[in-house]
Amino acid sequence: MDDLDRLIEKKENEKPGFAAAVEKRKGELLIAARLREARENLKLTQAEVAKKWSLSQQSISKIENARDDHISLHTLNEYARVLGYELQFVLRSAPN
């Protein structure tokens, strides 16, 4: 069991249903984590990215933490572009 699994288990004990919610949003959380990782690898702060994109730092934080249930593909593509990346999606069948 890794640190993430332990954290999910702890939160599930505090709030039943937490693990199911994480599983449901795993894809979104993974994209958000990858965008944050890309920014950090470029040694940029959220404020610096926000300035390049003419957004608020809070908007960048919402994207990176998957706190907005309505982030569009356009927004994700724009974030990647601002960082100098191209966003690509792969469609796979979900595990049963």
Protein backbone atom coordinates (compact mmCIF):
# COMPACT_ATOMS: atom_id res chain seq x y z
CA MET A 1 0.00 0.00 0.00
CA ASP A 2 1.48 3.36 -1.01
CA ASP A 3 0.97 6.79 0.57
CA LEU A 4 -1.95 7.63 -1.71
CA ASP A 5 -3.76 4.42 -0.84
CA ARG A 6 -3.25 5.11 2.87
CA LEU A 7 -4.57 8.65 2.48
CA ILE A 8 -7.65 7.43 0.58
CA GLU A 9 -8.28 4.77 3.23
CA LYS A 10 -7.96 7.36 6.02
CA LYS A 11 -10.34 9.75 4.28
CA GLU A 12 -12.78 6.89 3.57
CA ASN A 13 -12.87 6.13 7.30
CA GLU A 14 -13.60 9.80 8.04
CA LYS A 15 -16.12 10.22 5.23
CA PRO A 16 -17.66 7.05 3.77
CA GLY A 17 -17.94 7.28 0.00
CA PHE A 18 -14.67 9.20 -0.39
CA ALA A 19 -12.88 6.30 -2.11
CA ALA A 20 -15.72 5.87 -4.62
CA ALA A 21 -15.65 9.60 -5.41
CA VAL A 22 -11.89 9.47 -6.00
CA GLU A 23 -12.28 6.45 -8.28
CA LYS A 24 -15.01 8.21 -10.24
CA ARG A 25 -12.82 11.30 -10.77
CA LYS A 26 -9.49 9.49 -11.20
CA GLY A 27 -9.07 10.58 -14.81
CA GLU A 28 -9.70 14.23 -14.00
CA LEU A 29 -7.35 14.11 -11.03
CA LEU A 30 -4.63 12.51 -13.14
CA ILE A 31 -4.86 15.21 -15.82
CA ALA A 32 -4.73 17.91 -13.15
CA ALA A 33 -1.69 16.31 -11.51
CA ARG A 34 0.11 16.03 -14.85
CA LEU A 35 -0.50 19.70 -15.64
CA ARG A 36 0.79 20.72 -12.21
CA GLU A 37 3.83 18.45 -12.65
CA ALA A 38 4.57 19.99 -16.06
CA ARG A 39 4.39 23.51 -14.57
CA GLU A 40 6.65 22.57 -11.67
CA ASN A 41 9.16 20.94 -14.05
CA LEU A 42 9.35 24.27 -15.87
CA LYS A 43 9.99 25.95 -12.50
CA LEU A 44 6.97 28.21 -12.95
CA THR A 45 4.64 29.33 -10.19
CA GLN A 46 0.88 29.33 -10.56
CA ALA A 47 1.03 33.14 -10.55
CA GLU A 48 3.51 33.14 -13.46
CA VAL A 49 1.31 30.83 -15.52
CA ALA A 50 -1.73 32.93 -14.66
CA LYS A 51 0.02 36.08 -15.88
CA LYS A 52 1.04 34.41 -19.17
CA TRP A 53 -2.56 33.30 -19.70
CA SER A 54 -4.26 36.46 -18.34
CA LEU A 55 -6.06 34.50 -15.61
CA SER A 56 -6.01 34.65 -11.83
CA GLN A 57 -3.75 32.42 -9.75
CA GLN A 58 -6.93 31.03 -8.18
CA SER A 59 -8.11 29.86 -11.63
CA ILE A 60 -4.84 27.99 -12.15
CA SER A 61 -5.19 26.42 -8.70
CA LYS A 62 -8.73 25.24 -9.52
CA ILE A 63 -7.49 23.55 -12.69
CA GLU A 64 -4.50 21.92 -10.99
CA ASN A 65 -6.60 20.63 -8.12
CA ALA A 66 -9.57 19.56 -10.28
CA ARG A 67 -11.86 21.71 -8.15
CA ASP A 68 -14.08 22.80 -11.02
CA ASP A 69 -16.48 20.18 -12.35
CA HIS A 70 -16.84 22.06 -15.64
CA ILE A 71 -13.33 22.48 -17.01
CA SER A 72 -13.53 22.22 -20.78
CA LEU A 73 -11.20 20.42 -23.15
CA HIS A 74 -10.42 23.85 -24.57
CA THR A 75 -9.23 25.04 -21.16
CA LEU A 76 -7.04 21.98 -20.68
CA ASN A 77 -5.57 22.41 -24.16
CA GLU A 78 -4.89 26.09 -23.50
CA TYR A 79 -3.16 25.29 -20.20
CA ALA A 80 -0.92 22.77 -21.97
CA ARG A 81 -0.20 25.27 -24.77
CA VAL A 82 0.77 28.01 -22.30
CA LEU A 83 3.28 25.56 -20.81
CA GLY A 84 4.61 24.68 -24.25
CA TYR A 85 2.97 21.25 -24.41
CA GLU A 86 0.41 19.55 -26.60
CA LEU A 87 -2.42 17.76 -24.83
CA GLN A 88 -3.31 14.32 -26.19
CA PHE A 89 -6.11 12.01 -25.11
CA VAL A 90 -6.33 8.25 -25.38
CA LEU A 91 -9.70 6.52 -25.27
CA ARG A 92 -9.59 3.08 -23.63
CA SER A 93 -12.26 0.72 -22.45
CA ALA A 94 -12.91 1.07 -18.74
CA PRO A 95 -12.18 -1.83 -16.39
CA ASN A 96 -15.31 -3.62 -15.22
